[in-house]
Amino acid sequence: MNAPIKMVNILKRFIDALIYIFLNYFIAYIPSWMIRKFFYKLFGMKIGRKTRIYMKCIVRAPWKIEIDENTVINENCYLDGRGGLKIGKNTSISFFTIIISASHNSTSQKFDYIKSPVIIKDNVWTGARSIILQGTTLEDECILAAGSTLKGATEKGYIYAGIPAKKMKSRNLQGKYIFSPYDFFR
């Protein structure tokens, strides 16, 4: 690798690290949603109307994160946008949920870095401390039970639970709901 390209890569990693520190150690602790939202959007995150990201969430690569309207990301969640992250409408991401869109190839001798988008569609509910790994799609109206780990695709309208998460039963949701987050200071 020639020197100018190497220098650009180092500078890019340095700037990414500064953004990470700024958003996750300062902005995430401001007790005003409007101020946090301003900074998330300033760094490229797309945030729909009436959506809330509560305090103490960790955000990576906000410029690759899109969250639709009427969605709540509760406290202490981890949102990884490196591989791309899309969250739909009227969705609830519960406390301590971890969403990871990048990892490493475990069989690679070079520990290759891999990225794959995570897509969470409309009217989804992730339980507390659930983990969603790269390359996962949670279809409309699904529930991922608390403490579950999911990688892969789901079917619309089912509840998934376990490690690894497996389809348990139909959610039997009676039509789509409109979620209306209201907190201004969380």
Foldseek 3Di string as FASTA:
>chain_A
DDDVVVVVVVVVVVVQVVLQCCLQVPLLAFQFQVSNVVSLVVQQAAEEALEGEHHNEGEHNNNQEYEYHQEYHDHQEYHYRPQHEYAEANEYEDAHEYEEFKAFDPPDPVRHIDGAYEAEYACEYEEHNEYEYHQEYHDAQEYEYHPEYEYYYDDHQFYWYDDPTDTDGGNPDPDGDHHRDDDGGD
